[in-house]
Amino acid sequence: MLAGAIDDAEDNVADNSSAAGFILGKPHCPGVLKSEGLAVSLGGECGERFTGHSSAAMGGPLEALLWLCGELVAAGIVLPAGSIILTGGLTSAPYLVKGKAIIAEFGQLGSVSFAW
């Protein structure tokens, strides 16, 4: 695949890019979640860069978590302790390219990286 971004929901679903996997950083309590910008870079400093903001997830990560909790309570569902909750993509989805590292920076929350 060529490096680039998936620009619409149909391409994202067809490519299964959102379901391929995820990378975890260190755990954070929901109380520290706040609205922050984020940047995803593919191939280092000179590579492609995708930017976004956590407010794309229903106004912010804490708002998204509160909405989810309300929906689960209404459905009588309880999440087990330690559950991983993902907001979904906050940037365009870059194609992974073999040999190029991908780095996601989340402001004060830190960063995660992956190389294939």
C-alpha atoms as a PDB file:
ATOM      1  CA  MET A   1       0.000   0.000   0.000  1.00  0.00           C
ATOM      2  CA  LEU A   2       1.115   3.547  -0.606  1.00  0.00           C
ATOM      3  CA  ALA A   3       1.451   5.986   2.242  1.00  0.00           C
ATOM      4  CA  GLY A   4      -1.541   8.283   2.545  1.00  0.00           C
ATOM      5  CA  ALA A   5      -4.727   8.793   4.455  1.00  0.00           C
ATOM      6  CA  ILE A   6      -8.139   7.225   4.304  1.00  0.00           C
ATOM      7  CA  ASP A   7     -10.426  10.201   3.908  1.00  0.00           C
ATOM      8  CA  ASP A   8     -13.921   8.845   4.377  1.00  0.00           C
ATOM      9  CA  ALA A   9     -15.813   6.397   6.560  1.00  0.00           C
ATOM     10  CA  GLU A  10     -16.509   3.975   3.709  1.00  0.00           C
ATOM     11  CA  ASP A  11     -12.798   3.588   2.903  1.00  0.00           C
ATOM     12  CA  ASN A  12     -12.007   3.197   6.593  1.00  0.00           C
ATOM     13  CA  VAL A  13     -14.547   0.403   7.076  1.00  0.00           C
ATOM     14  CA  ALA A  14     -13.648  -1.337   3.807  1.00  0.00           C
ATOM     15  CA  ASP A  15      -9.966  -1.313   4.731  1.00  0.00           C
ATOM     16  CA  ASN A  16     -10.610  -2.595   8.281  1.00  0.00           C
ATOM     17  CA  SER A  17      -8.050  -0.048   9.453  1.00  0.00           C
ATOM     18  CA  SER A  18      -9.913   0.804  12.641  1.00  0.00           C
ATOM     19  CA  ALA A  19     -10.190  -2.851  13.617  1.00  0.00           C
ATOM     20  CA  ALA A  20      -6.620  -3.873  12.823  1.00  0.00           C
ATOM     21  CA  GLY A  21      -5.259  -3.166  16.281  1.00  0.00           C
ATOM     22  CA  PHE A  22      -4.330  -0.494  18.769  1.00  0.00           C
ATOM     23  CA  ILE A  23      -1.367   0.545  20.889  1.00  0.00           C
ATOM     24  CA  LEU A  24      -1.699   1.266  24.573  1.00  0.00           C
ATOM     25  CA  GLY A  25       0.267   3.826  26.513  1.00  0.00           C
ATOM     26  CA  LYS A  26       0.299   4.006  30.274  1.00  0.00           C
ATOM     27  CA  PRO A  27      -3.111   3.993  32.005  1.00  0.00           C
ATOM     28  CA  HIS A  28      -4.714   7.284  33.066  1.00  0.00           C
ATOM     29  CA  CYS A  29      -7.629   7.955  35.393  1.00  0.00           C
ATOM     30  CA  PRO A  30     -10.652   9.488  33.641  1.00  0.00           C
ATOM     31  CA  GLY A  31     -10.275  12.619  35.785  1.00  0.00           C
ATOM     32  CA  VAL A  32      -7.056  13.582  33.973  1.00  0.00           C
ATOM     33  CA  LEU A  33      -8.684  13.332  30.565  1.00  0.00           C
ATOM     34  CA  LYS A  34      -9.052  16.724  28.994  1.00  0.00           C
ATOM     35  CA  SER A  35      -9.334  18.186  25.581  1.00  0.00           C
ATOM     36  CA  GLU A  36      -5.952  18.017  23.827  1.00  0.00           C
ATOM     37  CA  GLY A  37      -4.506  18.195  20.372  1.00  0.00           C
ATOM     38  CA  LEU A  38      -2.770  15.174  18.959  1.00  0.00           C
ATOM     39  CA  ALA A  39      -0.397  14.452  16.116  1.00  0.00           C
ATOM     40  CA  VAL A  40       0.322  11.212  14.307  1.00  0.00           C
ATOM     41  CA  SER A  41       3.471  11.058  12.209  1.00  0.00           C
ATOM     42  CA  LEU A  42       4.457   8.341   9.772  1.00  0.00           C
ATOM     43  CA  GLY A  43       8.139   7.962   8.981  1.00  0.00           C
ATOM     44  CA  GLY A  44       9.672  10.349  11.509  1.00  0.00           C
ATOM     45  CA  GLU A  45      10.056  14.119  11.508  1.00  0.00           C
ATOM     46  CA  CYS A  46      10.121  14.439   7.721  1.00  0.00           C
ATOM     47  CA  GLY A  47       7.256  12.015   7.136  1.00  0.00           C
ATOM     48  CA  GLU A  48       3.544  12.556   6.746  1.00  0.00           C
ATOM     49  CA  ARG A  49       1.782  14.179   9.688  1.00  0.00           C
ATOM     50  CA  PHE A  50      -1.875  13.924  10.653  1.00  0.00           C
ATOM     51  CA  THR A  51      -3.328  16.163  13.324  1.00  0.00           C
ATOM     52  CA  GLY A  52      -6.524  16.066  15.290  1.00  0.00           C
ATOM     53  CA  HIS A  53      -8.097  17.034  18.571  1.00  0.00           C
ATOM     54  CA  SER A  54      -9.669  14.956  21.303  1.00  0.00           C
ATOM     55  CA  SER A  55     -12.761  17.169  21.090  1.00  0.00           C
ATOM     56  CA  ALA A  56     -13.625  15.193  17.934  1.00  0.00           C
ATOM     57  CA  ALA A  57     -14.801  12.444  20.324  1.00  0.00           C
ATOM     58  CA  MET A  58     -18.157  13.911  21.390  1.00  0.00           C
ATOM     59  CA  GLY A  59     -16.540  17.113  22.693  1.00  0.00           C
ATOM     60  CA  GLY A  60     -13.719  15.413  24.605  1.00  0.00           C
ATOM     61  CA  PRO A  61     -12.661  12.083  26.073  1.00  0.00           C
ATOM     62  CA  LEU A  62     -14.400  12.597  29.413  1.00  0.00           C
ATOM     63  CA  GLU A  63     -17.657  13.544  27.662  1.00  0.00           C
ATOM     64  CA  ALA A  64     -17.415  10.426  25.487  1.00  0.00           C
ATOM     65  CA  LEU A  65     -16.790   8.264  28.564  1.00  0.00           C
ATOM     66  CA  LEU A  66     -19.734   9.790  30.418  1.00  0.00           C
ATOM     67  CA  TRP A  67     -22.013   9.194  27.415  1.00  0.00           C
ATOM     68  CA  LEU A  68     -20.868   5.558  27.208  1.00  0.00           C
ATOM     69  CA  CYS A  69     -21.495   5.029  30.923  1.00  0.00           C
ATOM     70  CA  GLY A  70     -25.010   6.453  30.614  1.00  0.00           C
ATOM     71  CA  GLU A  71     -25.813   4.196  27.659  1.00  0.00           C
ATOM     72  CA  LEU A  72     -24.456   1.119  29.443  1.00  0.00           C
ATOM     73  CA  VAL A  73     -26.390   1.871  32.644  1.00  0.00           C
ATOM     74  CA  ALA A  74     -29.586   2.322  30.622  1.00  0.00           C
ATOM     75  CA  ALA A  75     -28.972  -1.085  29.016  1.00  0.00           C
ATOM     76  CA  GLY A  76     -28.126  -2.742  32.340  1.00  0.00           C
ATOM     77  CA  ILE A  77     -24.546  -3.443  31.282  1.00  0.00           C
ATOM     78  CA  VAL A  78     -21.555  -3.138  33.608  1.00  0.00           C
ATOM     79  CA  LEU A  79     -18.017  -2.942  32.241  1.00  0.00           C
ATOM     80  CA  PRO A  80     -15.518  -5.147  34.035  1.00  0.00           C
ATOM     81  CA  ALA A  81     -12.751  -3.379  35.947  1.00  0.00           C
ATOM     82  CA  GLY A  82      -9.759  -2.702  33.727  1.00  0.00           C
ATOM     83  CA  SER A  83     -11.794  -2.492  30.511  1.00  0.00           C
ATOM     84  CA  ILE A  84     -10.113  -0.691  27.630  1.00  0.00           C
ATOM     85  CA  ILE A  85     -12.275   2.037  26.108  1.00  0.00           C
ATOM     86  CA  LEU A  86     -11.358   3.515  22.734  1.00  0.00           C
ATOM     87  CA  THR A  87     -12.873   6.728  21.386  1.00  0.00           C
ATOM     88  CA  GLY A  88     -12.230   5.820  17.771  1.00  0.00           C
ATOM     89  CA  GLY A  89     -10.059   7.677  15.313  1.00  0.00           C
ATOM     90  CA  LEU A  90      -9.360  11.339  15.967  1.00  0.00           C
ATOM     91  CA  THR A  91      -7.296  11.883  12.803  1.00  0.00           C
ATOM     92  CA  SER A  92      -7.403  10.579   9.270  1.00  0.00           C
ATOM     93  CA  ALA A  93      -6.164   6.995   9.224  1.00  0.00           C
ATOM     94  CA  PRO A  94      -2.643   6.741   7.795  1.00  0.00           C
ATOM     95  CA  TYR A  95      -1.622   3.630   5.898  1.00  0.00           C
ATOM     96  CA  LEU A  96       1.112   1.715   7.684  1.00  0.00           C
ATOM     97  CA  VAL A  97       4.190   1.297   5.542  1.00  0.00           C
ATOM     98  CA  LYS A  98       6.711  -1.454   6.261  1.00  0.00           C
ATOM     99  CA  GLY A  99       9.921   0.075   7.561  1.00  0.00           C
ATOM    100  CA  LYS A 100       8.347   3.381   8.632  1.00  0.00           C
ATOM    101  CA  ALA A 101       7.608   4.005  12.293  1.00  0.00           C
ATOM    102  CA  ILE A 102       4.343   5.617  13.303  1.00  0.00           C
ATOM    103  CA  ILE A 103       4.257   7.875  16.356  1.00  0.00           C
ATOM    104  CA  ALA A 104       1.156   9.279  18.047  1.00  0.00           C
ATOM    105  CA  GLU A 105       1.663  12.200  20.431  1.00  0.00           C
ATOM    106  CA  PHE A 106      -1.110  13.076  22.882  1.00  0.00           C
ATOM    107  CA  GLY A 107       0.134  16.256  24.572  1.00  0.00           C
ATOM    108  CA  GLN A 108       0.522  15.847  28.339  1.00  0.00           C
ATOM    109  CA  LEU A 109      -0.681  12.244  28.161  1.00  0.00           C
ATOM    110  CA  GLY A 110       2.471  11.201  26.315  1.00  0.00           C
ATOM    111  CA  SER A 111       3.097   9.284  23.140  1.00  0.00           C
ATOM    112  CA  VAL A 112       3.089   5.784  21.694  1.00  0.00           C
ATOM    113  CA  SER A 113       4.934   4.378  18.695  1.00  0.00           C
ATOM    114  CA  PHE A 114       4.972   1.333  16.474  1.00  0.00           C
ATOM    115  CA  ALA A 115       7.354   0.053  13.818  1.00  0.00           C
ATOM    116  CA  TRP A 116       6.547  -2.760  11.442  1.00  0.00           C
END
